[in-house]
Amino acid sequence: MYELKIKASGHILERDLLGQLLEALQDKDCDITDIEIFAPTLKGGWKEQCPSVIIFKLVPEINAVDKEDVEDCYSLILDTMRRLDCRRIYRKEIASGPHTANRSQEPQIHAKENLQNG
């Protein structure tokens, strides 16, 4: 499955970035998951005094069958962020699926073995 991890900064809460993204993706075959928002402080981050940072994953829904569906949604996200004067910090492709589950567990297994043996 093709997923993107996106990190952006701007006035995320004040300009209702999440609401705007929901509207942009409403009838598309993608969704946003694992949303994290970091603000310096509640008071300092409001009234556009200090920017916030948002990190999320863009994932295909069941109907989406290829990378192109996710890339189309990514373009909509970029357009929405630009309109709200938010800046993309990075975008990273993420491999997911059954083949990655075993790989991510290997270091944990080795770490346990090293503790027991050593």
PDB file of N, CA and C in Angstrom:
ATOM      1  N   MET A   1       0.848  -1.177   0.000  1.00  0.00           N
ATOM      2  CA  MET A   1       0.000   0.000   0.000  1.00  0.00           C
ATOM      3  C   MET A   1       0.891   1.236   0.000  1.00  0.00           C
ATOM      4  N   TYR A   2       0.532   2.230  -0.741  1.00  0.00           N
ATOM      5  CA  TYR A   2       1.286   3.470  -0.869  1.00  0.00           C
ATOM      6  C   TYR A   2       0.701   4.515   0.066  1.00  0.00           C
ATOM      7  N   GLU A   3       1.505   4.999   1.006  1.00  0.00           N
ATOM      8  CA  GLU A   3       1.082   6.024   1.951  1.00  0.00           C
ATOM      9  C   GLU A   3       2.134   7.124   1.981  1.00  0.00           C
ATOM     10  N   LEU A   4       1.699   8.311   2.396  1.00  0.00           N
ATOM     11  CA  LEU A   4       2.615   9.426   2.545  1.00  0.00           C
ATOM     12  C   LEU A   4       2.539   9.958   3.960  1.00  0.00           C
ATOM     13  N   LYS A   5       3.685  10.274   4.527  1.00  0.00           N
ATOM     14  CA  LYS A   5       3.725  10.967   5.806  1.00  0.00           C
ATOM     15  C   LYS A   5       4.066  12.415   5.485  1.00  0.00           C
ATOM     16  N   ILE A   6       3.270  13.330   6.027  1.00  0.00           N
ATOM     17  CA  ILE A   6       3.413  14.741   5.697  1.00  0.00           C
ATOM     18  C   ILE A   6       3.578  15.540   6.985  1.00  0.00           C
ATOM     19  N   LYS A   7       4.496  16.484   6.941  1.00  0.00           N
ATOM     20  CA  LYS A   7       4.698  17.396   8.075  1.00  0.00           C
ATOM     21  C   LYS A   7       4.607  18.812   7.524  1.00  0.00           C
ATOM     22  N   ALA A   8       3.839  19.663   8.201  1.00  0.00           N
ATOM     23  CA  ALA A   8       3.650  21.033   7.739  1.00  0.00           C
ATOM     24  C   ALA A   8       3.583  21.975   8.935  1.00  0.00           C
ATOM     25  N   SER A   9       3.808  23.243   8.663  1.00  0.00           N
ATOM     26  CA  SER A   9       3.686  24.244   9.721  1.00  0.00           C
ATOM     27  C   SER A   9       2.816  25.385   9.230  1.00  0.00           C
ATOM     28  N   GLY A  10       2.294  26.118  10.175  1.00  0.00           N
ATOM     29  CA  GLY A  10       1.443  27.259   9.857  1.00  0.00           C
ATOM     30  C   GLY A  10       0.444  27.459  10.978  1.00  0.00           C
ATOM     31  N   HIS A  11      -0.544  28.249  10.718  1.00  0.00           N
ATOM     32  CA  HIS A  11      -1.589  28.506  11.716  1.00  0.00           C
ATOM     33  C   HIS A  11      -2.695  27.464  11.528  1.00  0.00           C
ATOM     34  N   ILE A  12      -2.363  26.254  11.940  1.00  0.00           N
ATOM     35  CA  ILE A  12      -3.167  25.054  11.709  1.00  0.00           C
ATOM     36  C   ILE A  12      -4.560  25.182  12.321  1.00  0.00           C
ATOM     37  N   LEU A  13      -4.621  25.535  13.586  1.00  0.00           N
ATOM     38  CA  LEU A  13      -5.899  25.598  14.296  1.00  0.00           C
ATOM     39  C   LEU A  13      -6.684  26.856  13.938  1.00  0.00           C
ATOM     40  N   GLU A  14      -6.000  27.986  13.905  1.00  0.00           N
ATOM     41  CA  GLU A  14      -6.682  29.256  13.664  1.00  0.00           C
ATOM     42  C   GLU A  14      -7.329  29.328  12.286  1.00  0.00           C
ATOM     43  N   ARG A  15      -6.706  28.709  11.321  1.00  0.00           N
ATOM     44  CA  ARG A  15      -7.223  28.768   9.941  1.00  0.00           C
ATOM     45  C   ARG A  15      -8.003  27.520   9.565  1.00  0.00           C
ATOM     46  N   ASP A  16      -8.281  26.681  10.539  1.00  0.00           N
ATOM     47  CA  ASP A  16      -9.104  25.482  10.356  1.00  0.00           C
ATOM     48  C   ASP A  16      -8.587  24.577   9.233  1.00  0.00           C
ATOM     49  N   LEU A  17      -7.297  24.279   9.283  1.00  0.00           N
ATOM     50  CA  LEU A  17      -6.707  23.427   8.254  1.00  0.00           C
ATOM     51  C   LEU A  17      -7.404  22.074   8.175  1.00  0.00           C
ATOM     52  N   LEU A  18      -7.684  21.447   9.318  1.00  0.00           N
ATOM     53  CA  LEU A  18      -8.314  20.122   9.286  1.00  0.00           C
ATOM     54  C   LEU A  18      -9.694  20.167   8.646  1.00  0.00           C
ATOM     55  N   GLY A  19     -10.470  21.175   8.958  1.00  0.00           N
ATOM     56  CA  GLY A  19     -11.796  21.317   8.341  1.00  0.00           C
ATOM     57  C   GLY A  19     -11.703  21.512   6.840  1.00  0.00           C
ATOM     58  N   GLN A  20     -10.722  22.302   6.417  1.00  0.00           N
ATOM     59  CA  GLN A  20     -10.521  22.541   4.990  1.00  0.00           C
ATOM     60  C   GLN A  20     -10.052  21.278   4.270  1.00  0.00           C
ATOM     61  N   LEU A  21      -9.184  20.500   4.930  1.00  0.00           N
ATOM     62  CA  LEU A  21      -8.728  19.241   4.330  1.00  0.00           C
ATOM     63  C   LEU A  21      -9.874  18.236   4.238  1.00  0.00           C
ATOM     64  N   LEU A  22     -10.705  18.189   5.269  1.00  0.00           N
ATOM     65  CA  LEU A  22     -11.867  17.303   5.233  1.00  0.00           C
ATOM     66  C   LEU A  22     -12.754  17.642   4.045  1.00  0.00           C
ATOM     67  N   GLU A  23     -12.995  18.903   3.842  1.00  0.00           N
ATOM     68  CA  GLU A  23     -13.823  19.338   2.711  1.00  0.00           C
ATOM     69  C   GLU A  23     -13.182  18.963   1.368  1.00  0.00           C
ATOM     70  N   ALA A  24     -11.864  19.152   1.262  1.00  0.00           N
ATOM     71  CA  ALA A  24     -11.162  18.866   0.009  1.00  0.00           C
ATOM     72  C   ALA A  24     -11.152  17.367  -0.322  1.00  0.00           C
ATOM     73  N   LEU A  25     -11.082  16.522   0.713  1.00  0.00           N
ATOM     74  CA  LEU A  25     -10.964  15.070   0.494  1.00  0.00           C
ATOM     75  C   LEU A  25     -12.282  14.328   0.639  1.00  0.00           C
ATOM     76  N   GLN A  26     -13.370  15.033   0.883  1.00  0.00           N
ATOM     77  CA  GLN A  26     -14.658  14.419   1.201  1.00  0.00           C
ATOM     78  C   GLN A  26     -15.075  13.318   0.220  1.00  0.00           C
ATOM     79  N   ASP A  27     -14.946  13.561  -1.064  1.00  0.00           N
ATOM     80  CA  ASP A  27     -15.401  12.574  -2.048  1.00  0.00           C
ATOM     81  C   ASP A  27     -14.236  11.872  -2.754  1.00  0.00           C
ATOM     82  N   LYS A  28     -13.068  11.893  -2.135  1.00  0.00           N
ATOM     83  CA  LYS A  28     -11.888  11.249  -2.714  1.00  0.00           C
ATOM     84  C   LYS A  28     -11.644   9.901  -2.046  1.00  0.00           C
ATOM     85  N   ASP A  29     -10.793   9.078  -2.647  1.00  0.00           N
ATOM     86  CA  ASP A  29     -10.499   7.740  -2.137  1.00  0.00           C
ATOM     87  C   ASP A  29      -9.283   7.717  -1.213  1.00  0.00           C
ATOM     88  N   CYS A  30      -9.104   8.782  -0.443  1.00  0.00           N
ATOM     89  CA  CYS A  30      -8.000   8.874   0.516  1.00  0.00           C
ATOM     90  C   CYS A  30      -8.526   9.400   1.837  1.00  0.00           C
ATOM     91  N   ASP A  31      -7.746   9.171   2.874  1.00  0.00           N
ATOM     92  CA  ASP A  31      -8.089   9.705   4.191  1.00  0.00           C
ATOM     93  C   ASP A  31      -6.803  10.116   4.887  1.00  0.00           C
ATOM     94  N   ILE A  32      -6.950  10.897   5.944  1.00  0.00           N
ATOM     95  CA  ILE A  32      -5.815  11.329   6.755  1.00  0.00           C
ATOM     96  C   ILE A  32      -5.903  10.604   8.087  1.00  0.00           C
ATOM     97  N   THR A  33      -4.783  10.012   8.521  1.00  0.00           N
ATOM     98  CA  THR A  33      -4.756   9.267   9.780  1.00  0.00           C
ATOM     99  C   THR A  33      -3.571   9.726  10.626  1.00  0.00           C
ATOM    100  N   ASP A  34      -3.523   9.233  11.851  1.00  0.00           N
ATOM    101  CA  ASP A  34      -2.391   9.474  12.768  1.00  0.00           C
ATOM    102  C   ASP A  34      -2.037  10.959  12.857  1.00  0.00           C
ATOM    103  N   ILE A  35      -3.040  11.787  13.103  1.00  0.00           N
ATOM    104  CA  ILE A  35      -2.865  13.233  13.131  1.00  0.00           C
ATOM    105  C   ILE A  35      -2.244  13.673  14.462  1.00  0.00           C
ATOM    106  N   GLU A  36      -1.170  14.428  14.368  1.00  0.00           N
ATOM    107  CA  GLU A  36      -0.525  15.016  15.543  1.00  0.00           C
ATOM    108  C   GLU A  36      -0.364  16.500  15.281  1.00  0.00           C
ATOM    109  N   ILE A  37      -0.779  17.321  16.251  1.00  0.00           N
ATOM    110  CA  ILE A  37      -0.611  18.768  16.143  1.00  0.00           C
ATOM    111  C   ILE A  37       0.208  19.237  17.334  1.00  0.00           C
ATOM    112  N   PHE A  38       1.233  20.010  17.052  1.00  0.00           N
ATOM    113  CA  PHE A  38       2.093  20.555  18.092  1.00  0.00           C
ATOM    114  C   PHE A  38       1.979  22.073  18.057  1.00  0.00           C
ATOM    115  N   ALA A  39       1.623  22.652  19.199  1.00  0.00           N
ATOM    116  CA  ALA A  39       1.528  24.104  19.315  1.00  0.00           C
ATOM    117  C   ALA A  39       2.448  24.550  20.442  1.00  0.00           C
ATOM    118  N   PRO A  40       3.092  25.708  20.315  1.00  0.00           N
ATOM    119  CA  PRO A  40       4.007  26.156  21.357  1.00  0.00           C
ATOM    120  C   PRO A  40       3.293  26.291  22.703  1.00  0.00           C
ATOM    121  N   THR A  41       2.180  26.948  22.712  1.00  0.00           N
ATOM    122  CA  THR A  41       1.282  27.034  23.871  1.00  0.00           C
ATOM    123  C   THR A  41      -0.096  27.340  23.324  1.00  0.00           C
ATOM    124  N   LEU A  42      -1.110  27.107  24.096  1.00  0.00           N
ATOM    125  CA  LEU A  42      -2.461  27.400  23.621  1.00  0.00           C
ATOM    126  C   LEU A  42      -2.638  28.898  23.399  1.00  0.00           C
ATOM    127  N   LYS A  43      -2.255  29.694  24.385  1.00  0.00           N
ATOM    128  CA  LYS A  43      -2.428  31.147  24.267  1.00  0.00           C
ATOM    129  C   LYS A  43      -1.481  31.742  23.229  1.00  0.00           C
ATOM    130  N   GLY A  44      -0.231  31.279  23.228  1.00  0.00           N
ATOM    131  CA  GLY A  44       0.746  31.810  22.285  1.00  0.00           C
ATOM    132  C   GLY A  44       0.490  31.379  20.857  1.00  0.00           C
ATOM    133  N   GLY A  45      -0.149  30.241  20.696  1.00  0.00           N
ATOM    134  CA  GLY A  45      -0.418  29.735  19.359  1.00  0.00           C
ATOM    135  C   GLY A  45      -1.697  30.269  18.749  1.00  0.00           C
ATOM    136  N   TRP A  46      -2.512  30.935  19.542  1.00  0.00           N
ATOM    137  CA  TRP A  46      -3.784  31.445  19.027  1.00  0.00           C
ATOM    138  C   TRP A  46      -3.587  32.857  18.500  1.00  0.00           C
ATOM    139  N   LYS A  47      -4.509  33.341  17.758  1.00  0.00           N
ATOM    140  CA  LYS A  47      -4.479  34.684  17.145  1.00  0.00           C
ATOM    141  C   LYS A  47      -3.249  34.852  16.256  1.00  0.00           C
ATOM    142  N   GLU A  48      -2.780  33.734  15.687  1.00  0.00           N
ATOM    143  CA  GLU A  48      -1.693  33.720  14.724  1.00  0.00           C
ATOM    144  C   GLU A  48      -0.418  34.371  15.246  1.00  0.00           C
ATOM    145  N   GLN A  49      -0.124  34.135  16.528  1.00  0.00           N
ATOM    146  CA  GLN A  49       1.108  34.664  17.109  1.00  0.00           C
ATOM    147  C   GLN A  49       2.290  33.751  16.811  1.00  0.00           C
ATOM    148  N   CYS A  50       2.111  32.432  16.952  1.00  0.00           N
ATOM    149  CA  CYS A  50       3.168  31.447  16.694  1.00  0.00           C
ATOM    150  C   CYS A  50       2.584  30.318  15.858  1.00  0.00           C
ATOM    151  N   PRO A  51       3.324  29.843  14.862  1.00  0.00           N
ATOM    152  CA  PRO A  51       2.812  28.742  14.047  1.00  0.00           C
ATOM    153  C   PRO A  51       2.819  27.418  14.807  1.00  0.00           C
ATOM    154  N   SER A  52       1.969  26.523  14.370  1.00  0.00           N
ATOM    155  CA  SER A  52       1.903  25.160  14.889  1.00  0.00           C
ATOM    156  C   SER A  52       2.489  24.217  13.846  1.00  0.00           C
ATOM    157  N   VAL A  53       2.690  22.969  14.243  1.00  0.00           N
ATOM    158  CA  VAL A  53       3.187  21.939  13.335  1.00  0.00           C
ATOM    159  C   VAL A  53       2.179  20.801  13.332  1.00  0.00           C
ATOM    160  N   ILE A  54       1.913  20.253  12.163  1.00  0.00           N
ATOM    161  CA  ILE A  54       1.019  19.102  12.037  1.00  0.00           C
ATOM    162  C   ILE A  54       1.762  18.000  11.298  1.00  0.00           C
ATOM    163  N   ILE A  55       1.569  16.775  11.769  1.00  0.00           N
ATOM    164  CA  ILE A  55       2.126  15.588  11.109  1.00  0.00           C
ATOM    165  C   ILE A  55       0.968  14.617  10.920  1.00  0.00           C
ATOM    166  N   PHE A  56       0.859  14.040   9.742  1.00  0.00           N
ATOM    167  CA  PHE A  56      -0.211  13.079   9.486  1.00  0.00           C
ATOM    168  C   PHE A  56       0.184  12.153   8.349  1.00  0.00           C
ATOM    169  N   LYS A  57      -0.583  11.086   8.219  1.00  0.00           N
ATOM    170  CA  LYS A  57      -0.402  10.151   7.099  1.00  0.00           C
ATOM    171  C   LYS A  57      -1.569  10.304   6.140  1.00  0.00           C
ATOM    172  N   LEU A  58      -1.263  10.296   4.870  1.00  0.00           N
ATOM    173  CA  LEU A  58      -2.266  10.271   3.815  1.00  0.00           C
ATOM    174  C   LEU A  58      -2.332   8.835   3.316  1.00  0.00           C
ATOM    175  N   VAL A  59      -3.475   8.201   3.477  1.00  0.00           N
ATOM    176  CA  VAL A  59      -3.613   6.782   3.143  1.00  0.00           C
ATOM    177  C   VAL A  59      -4.765   6.581   2.158  1.00  0.00           C
ATOM    178  N   PRO A  60      -4.646   5.555   1.319  1.00  0.00           N
ATOM    179  CA  PRO A  60      -5.746   5.253   0.403  1.00  0.00           C
ATOM    180  C   PRO A  60      -6.881   4.548   1.137  1.00  0.00           C
ATOM    181  N   GLU A  61      -8.092   4.801   0.680  1.00  0.00           N
ATOM    182  CA  GLU A  61      -9.221   4.026   1.180  1.00  0.00           C
ATOM    183  C   GLU A  61      -9.287   2.736   0.365  1.00  0.00           C
ATOM    184  N   ILE A  62     -10.220   1.882   0.694  1.00  0.00           N
ATOM    185  CA  ILE A  62     -10.321   0.564   0.052  1.00  0.00           C
ATOM    186  C   ILE A  62     -10.470   0.684  -1.456  1.00  0.00           C
ATOM    187  N   ASN A  63     -11.210   1.682  -1.920  1.00  0.00           N
ATOM    188  CA  ASN A  63     -11.449   1.828  -3.362  1.00  0.00           C
ATOM    189  C   ASN A  63     -10.216   2.285  -4.133  1.00  0.00           C
ATOM    190  N   ALA A  64      -9.281   2.926  -3.451  1.00  0.00           N
ATOM    191  CA  ALA A  64      -8.086   3.422  -4.127  1.00  0.00           C
ATOM    192  C   ALA A  64      -7.172   2.240  -4.445  1.00  0.00           C
ATOM    193  N   VAL A  65      -6.782   2.138  -5.689  1.00  0.00           N
ATOM    194  CA  VAL A  65      -6.022   0.962  -6.088  1.00  0.00           C
ATOM    195  C   VAL A  65      -4.566   1.249  -6.437  1.00  0.00           C
ATOM    196  N   ASP A  66      -4.214   2.511  -6.623  1.00  0.00           N
ATOM    197  CA  ASP A  66      -2.834   2.746  -7.024  1.00  0.00           C
ATOM    198  C   ASP A  66      -2.280   4.050  -6.457  1.00  0.00           C
ATOM    199  N   LYS A  67      -1.014   4.230  -6.705  1.00  0.00           N
ATOM    200  CA  LYS A  67      -0.265   5.388  -6.222  1.00  0.00           C
ATOM    201  C   LYS A  67      -0.867   6.696  -6.729  1.00  0.00           C
ATOM    202  N   GLU A  68      -1.425   6.656  -7.915  1.00  0.00           N
ATOM    203  CA  GLU A  68      -1.987   7.854  -8.531  1.00  0.00           C
ATOM    204  C   GLU A  68      -3.135   8.443  -7.708  1.00  0.00           C
ATOM    205  N   ASP A  69      -3.963   7.580  -7.086  1.00  0.00           N
ATOM    206  CA  ASP A  69      -5.058   8.062  -6.244  1.00  0.00           C
ATOM    207  C   ASP A  69      -4.528   8.874  -5.066  1.00  0.00           C
ATOM    208  N   VAL A  70      -3.491   8.383  -4.439  1.00  0.00           N
ATOM    209  CA  VAL A  70      -2.892   9.072  -3.294  1.00  0.00           C
ATOM    210  C   VAL A  70      -2.227  10.368  -3.758  1.00  0.00           C
ATOM    211  N   GLU A  71      -1.542  10.332  -4.883  1.00  0.00           N
ATOM    212  CA  GLU A  71      -0.884  11.534  -5.395  1.00  0.00           C
ATOM    213  C   GLU A  71      -1.903  12.621  -5.755  1.00  0.00           C
ATOM    214  N   ASP A  72      -3.053  12.231  -6.294  1.00  0.00           N
ATOM    215  CA  ASP A  72      -4.111  13.209  -6.584  1.00  0.00           C
ATOM    216  C   ASP A  72      -4.592  13.877  -5.300  1.00  0.00           C
ATOM    217  N   CYS A  73      -4.771  13.096  -4.261  1.00  0.00           N
ATOM    218  CA  CYS A  73      -5.192  13.642  -2.966  1.00  0.00           C
ATOM    219  C   CYS A  73      -4.099  14.533  -2.390  1.00  0.00           C
ATOM    220  N   TYR A  74      -2.851  14.141  -2.570  1.00  0.00           N
ATOM    221  CA  TYR A  74      -1.727  14.934  -2.081  1.00  0.00           C
ATOM    222  C   TYR A  74      -1.729  16.318  -2.744  1.00  0.00           C
ATOM    223  N   SER A  75      -2.030  16.371  -4.017  1.00  0.00           N
ATOM    224  CA  SER A  75      -2.107  17.659  -4.721  1.00  0.00           C
ATOM    225  C   SER A  75      -3.196  18.547  -4.123  1.00  0.00           C
ATOM    226  N   LEU A  76      -4.328  17.954  -3.787  1.00  0.00           N
ATOM    227  CA  LEU A  76      -5.406  18.714  -3.150  1.00  0.00           C
ATOM    228  C   LEU A  76      -4.969  19.243  -1.779  1.00  0.00           C
ATOM    229  N   ILE A  77      -4.238  18.418  -1.042  1.00  0.00           N
ATOM    230  CA  ILE A  77      -3.743  18.838   0.272  1.00  0.00           C
ATOM    231  C   ILE A  77      -2.780  20.016   0.117  1.00  0.00           C
ATOM    232  N   LEU A  78      -1.857  19.924  -0.840  1.00  0.00           N
ATOM    233  CA  LEU A  78      -0.912  21.026  -1.066  1.00  0.00           C
ATOM    234  C   LEU A  78      -1.627  22.308  -1.446  1.00  0.00           C
ATOM    235  N   ASP A  79      -2.613  22.214  -2.339  1.00  0.00           N
ATOM    236  CA  ASP A  79      -3.380  23.401  -2.738  1.00  0.00           C
ATOM    237  C   ASP A  79      -4.073  24.029  -1.533  1.00  0.00           C
ATOM    238  N   THR A  80      -4.660  23.193  -0.683  1.00  0.00           N
ATOM    239  CA  THR A  80      -5.353  23.689   0.510  1.00  0.00           C
ATOM    240  C   THR A  80      -4.367  24.352   1.464  1.00  0.00           C
ATOM    241  N   MET A  81      -3.219  23.720   1.676  1.00  0.00           N
ATOM    242  CA  MET A  81      -2.219  24.295   2.574  1.00  0.00           C
ATOM    243  C   MET A  81      -1.696  25.629   2.036  1.00  0.00           C
ATOM    244  N   ARG A  82      -1.460  25.712   0.738  1.00  0.00           N
ATOM    245  CA  ARG A  82      -0.985  26.968   0.150  1.00  0.00           C
ATOM    246  C   ARG A  82      -2.009  28.077   0.327  1.00  0.00           C
ATOM    247  N   ARG A  83      -3.272  27.737   0.103  1.00  0.00           N
ATOM    248  CA  ARG A  83      -4.347  28.730   0.232  1.00  0.00           C
ATOM    249  C   ARG A  83      -4.423  29.285   1.649  1.00  0.00           C
ATOM    250  N   LEU A  84      -4.094  28.438   2.644  1.00  0.00           N
ATOM    251  CA  LEU A  84      -4.145  28.846   4.050  1.00  0.00           C
ATOM    252  C   LEU A  84      -2.779  29.334   4.551  1.00  0.00           C
ATOM    253  N   ASP A  85      -1.832  29.481   3.637  1.00  0.00           N
ATOM    254  CA  ASP A  85      -0.485  29.951   3.950  1.00  0.00           C
ATOM    255  C   ASP A  85       0.249  29.032   4.925  1.00  0.00           C
ATOM    256  N   CYS A  86       0.026  27.739   4.789  1.00  0.00           N
ATOM    257  CA  CYS A  86       0.772  26.739   5.558  1.00  0.00           C
ATOM    258  C   CYS A  86       1.902  26.221   4.677  1.00  0.00           C
ATOM    259  N   ARG A  87       2.975  25.791   5.303  1.00  0.00           N
ATOM    260  CA  ARG A  87       4.155  25.343   4.563  1.00  0.00           C
ATOM    261  C   ARG A  87       4.424  23.869   4.801  1.00  0.00           C
ATOM    262  N   ARG A  88       4.632  23.130   3.726  1.00  0.00           N
ATOM    263  CA  ARG A  88       5.032  21.734   3.862  1.00  0.00           C
ATOM    264  C   ARG A  88       6.487  21.690   4.280  1.00  0.00           C
ATOM    265  N   ILE A  89       6.779  20.930   5.329  1.00  0.00           N
ATOM    266  CA  ILE A  89       8.159  20.757   5.778  1.00  0.00           C
ATOM    267  C   ILE A  89       8.776  19.558   5.071  1.00  0.00           C
ATOM    268  N   TYR A  90       8.051  18.437   5.066  1.00  0.00           N
ATOM    269  CA  TYR A  90       8.520  17.282   4.303  1.00  0.00           C
ATOM    270  C   TYR A  90       7.370  16.365   3.956  1.00  0.00           C
ATOM    271  N   ARG A  91       7.671  15.496   3.019  1.00  0.00           N
ATOM    272  CA  ARG A  91       6.762  14.428   2.604  1.00  0.00           C
ATOM    273  C   ARG A  91       7.627  13.186   2.480  1.00  0.00           C
ATOM    274  N   LYS A  92       7.129  12.074   2.993  1.00  0.00           N
ATOM    275  CA  LYS A  92       7.907  10.837   2.968  1.00  0.00           C
ATOM    276  C   LYS A  92       6.997   9.689   2.558  1.00  0.00           C
ATOM    277  N   GLU A  93       7.451   8.898   1.604  1.00  0.00           N
ATOM    278  CA  GLU A  93       6.703   7.708   1.215  1.00  0.00           C
ATOM    279  C   GLU A  93       6.894   6.639   2.277  1.00  0.00           C
ATOM    280  N   ILE A  94       5.811   5.954   2.609  1.00  0.00           N
ATOM    281  CA  ILE A  94       5.852   4.925   3.640  1.00  0.00           C
ATOM    282  C   ILE A  94       5.408   3.607   3.028  1.00  0.00           C
ATOM    283  N   ALA A  95       6.227   2.597   3.185  1.00  0.00           N
ATOM    284  CA  ALA A  95       5.837   1.246   2.765  1.00  0.00           C
ATOM    285  C   ALA A  95       5.043   0.630   3.896  1.00  0.00           C
ATOM    286  N   SER A  96       3.929   0.012   3.576  1.00  0.00           N
ATOM    287  CA  SER A  96       3.136  -0.655   4.599  1.00  0.00           C
ATOM    288  C   SER A  96       2.552  -1.927   4.020  1.00  0.00           C
ATOM    289  N   GLY A  97       2.069  -2.758   4.882  1.00  0.00           N
ATOM    290  CA  GLY A  97       1.498  -4.021   4.451  1.00  0.00           C
ATOM    291  C   GLY A  97       2.124  -5.159   5.213  1.00  0.00           C
ATOM    292  N   PRO A  98       1.762  -6.392   4.891  1.00  0.00           N
ATOM    293  CA  PRO A  98       2.238  -7.536   5.644  1.00  0.00           C
ATOM    294  C   PRO A  98       3.750  -7.729   5.589  1.00  0.00           C
ATOM    295  N   HIS A  99       4.381  -7.335   4.477  1.00  0.00           N
ATOM    296  CA  HIS A  99       5.823  -7.533   4.351  1.00  0.00           C
ATOM    297  C   HIS A  99       6.617  -6.608   5.267  1.00  0.00           C
ATOM    298  N   THR A 100       6.041  -5.489   5.697  1.00  0.00           N
ATOM    299  CA  THR A 100       6.784  -4.569   6.563  1.00  0.00           C
ATOM    300  C   THR A 100       6.584  -4.879   8.034  1.00  0.00           C
ATOM    301  N   ALA A 101       5.546  -5.610   8.386  1.00  0.00           N
ATOM    302  CA  ALA A 101       5.285  -5.898   9.796  1.00  0.00           C
ATOM    303  C   ALA A 101       6.420  -6.718  10.403  1.00  0.00           C
ATOM    304  N   ASN A 102       6.891  -7.738   9.707  1.00  0.00           N
ATOM    305  CA  ASN A 102       7.974  -8.566  10.235  1.00  0.00           C
ATOM    306  C   ASN A 102       9.277  -7.783  10.335  1.00  0.00           C
ATOM    307  N   ARG A 103       9.538  -6.930   9.362  1.00  0.00           N
ATOM    308  CA  ARG A 103      10.757  -6.148   9.365  1.00  0.00           C
ATOM    309  C   ARG A 103      10.796  -5.199  10.561  1.00  0.00           C
ATOM    310  N   SER A 104       9.677  -4.573  10.891  1.00  0.00           N
ATOM    311  CA  SER A 104       9.679  -3.613  11.995  1.00  0.00           C
ATOM    312  C   SER A 104       9.826  -4.305  13.345  1.00  0.00           C
ATOM    313  N   GLN A 105       9.512  -5.587  13.430  1.00  0.00           N
ATOM    314  CA  GLN A 105       9.621  -6.291  14.696  1.00  0.00           C
ATOM    315  C   GLN A 105      11.016  -6.882  14.909  1.00  0.00           C
ATOM    316  N   GLU A 106      11.819  -7.028  13.859  1.00  0.00           N
ATOM    317  CA  GLU A 106      13.129  -7.667  13.990  1.00  0.00           C
ATOM    318  C   GLU A 106      14.035  -6.990  15.009  1.00  0.00           C
ATOM    319  N   PRO A 107      14.186  -5.657  14.995  1.00  0.00           N
ATOM    320  CA  PRO A 107      15.084  -5.055  15.982  1.00  0.00           C
ATOM    321  C   PRO A 107      14.613  -5.311  17.414  1.00  0.00           C
ATOM    322  N   GLN A 108      13.316  -5.348  17.654  1.00  0.00           N
ATOM    323  CA  GLN A 108      12.811  -5.600  18.993  1.00  0.00           C
ATOM    324  C   GLN A 108      13.162  -7.024  19.431  1.00  0.00           C
ATOM    325  N   ILE A 109      13.049  -7.980  18.533  1.00  0.00           N
ATOM    326  CA  ILE A 109      13.380  -9.369  18.860  1.00  0.00           C
ATOM    327  C   ILE A 109      14.859  -9.478  19.183  1.00  0.00           C
ATOM    328  N   HIS A 110      15.727  -8.868  18.357  1.00  0.00           N
ATOM    329  CA  HIS A 110      17.167  -8.908  18.608  1.00  0.00           C
ATOM    330  C   HIS A 110      17.518  -8.226  19.916  1.00  0.00           C
ATOM    331  N   ALA A 111      16.844  -7.130  20.231  1.00  0.00           N
ATOM    332  CA  ALA A 111      17.127  -6.422  21.483  1.00  0.00           C
ATOM    333  C   ALA A 111      16.795  -7.306  22.676  1.00  0.00           C
ATOM    334  N   LYS A 112      15.699  -8.048  22.619  1.00  0.00           N
ATOM    335  CA  LYS A 112      15.339  -8.953  23.709  1.00  0.00           C
ATOM    336  C   LYS A 112      16.380 -10.061  23.846  1.00  0.00           C
ATOM    337  N   GLU A 113      16.814 -10.606  22.701  1.00  0.00           N
ATOM    338  CA  GLU A 113      17.823 -11.666  22.742  1.00  0.00           C
ATOM    339  C   GLU A 113      19.110 -11.154  23.362  1.00  0.00           C
ATOM    340  N   ASN A 114      19.530  -9.931  23.008  1.00  0.00           N
ATOM    341  CA  ASN A 114      20.755  -9.372  23.550  1.00  0.00           C
ATOM    342  C   ASN A 114      20.648  -9.168  25.065  1.00  0.00           C
ATOM    343  N   LEU A 115      19.499  -8.764  25.543  1.00  0.00           N
ATOM    344  CA  LEU A 115      19.318  -8.584  26.977  1.00  0.00           C
ATOM    345  C   LEU A 115      19.401  -9.920  27.713  1.00  0.00           C
ATOM    346  N   GLN A 116      18.825 -10.966  27.125  1.00  0.00           N
ATOM    347  CA  GLN A 116      18.833 -12.271  27.763  1.00  0.00           C
ATOM    348  C   GLN A 116      20.224 -12.906  27.757  1.00  0.00           C
ATOM    349  N   ASN A 117      20.955 -12.649  26.670  1.00  0.00           N
ATOM    350  CA  ASN A 117      22.276 -13.268  26.527  1.00  0.00           C
ATOM    351  C   ASN A 117      23.385 -12.453  27.187  1.00  0.00           C
ATOM    352  N   GLY A 118      23.047 -11.217  27.549  1.00  0.00           N
ATOM    353  CA  GLY A 118      24.090 -10.508  27.940  1.00  0.00           C
ATOM    354  C   GLY A 118      24.554  -9.629  28.884  1.00  0.00           C
TER     355      GLY A 118
END
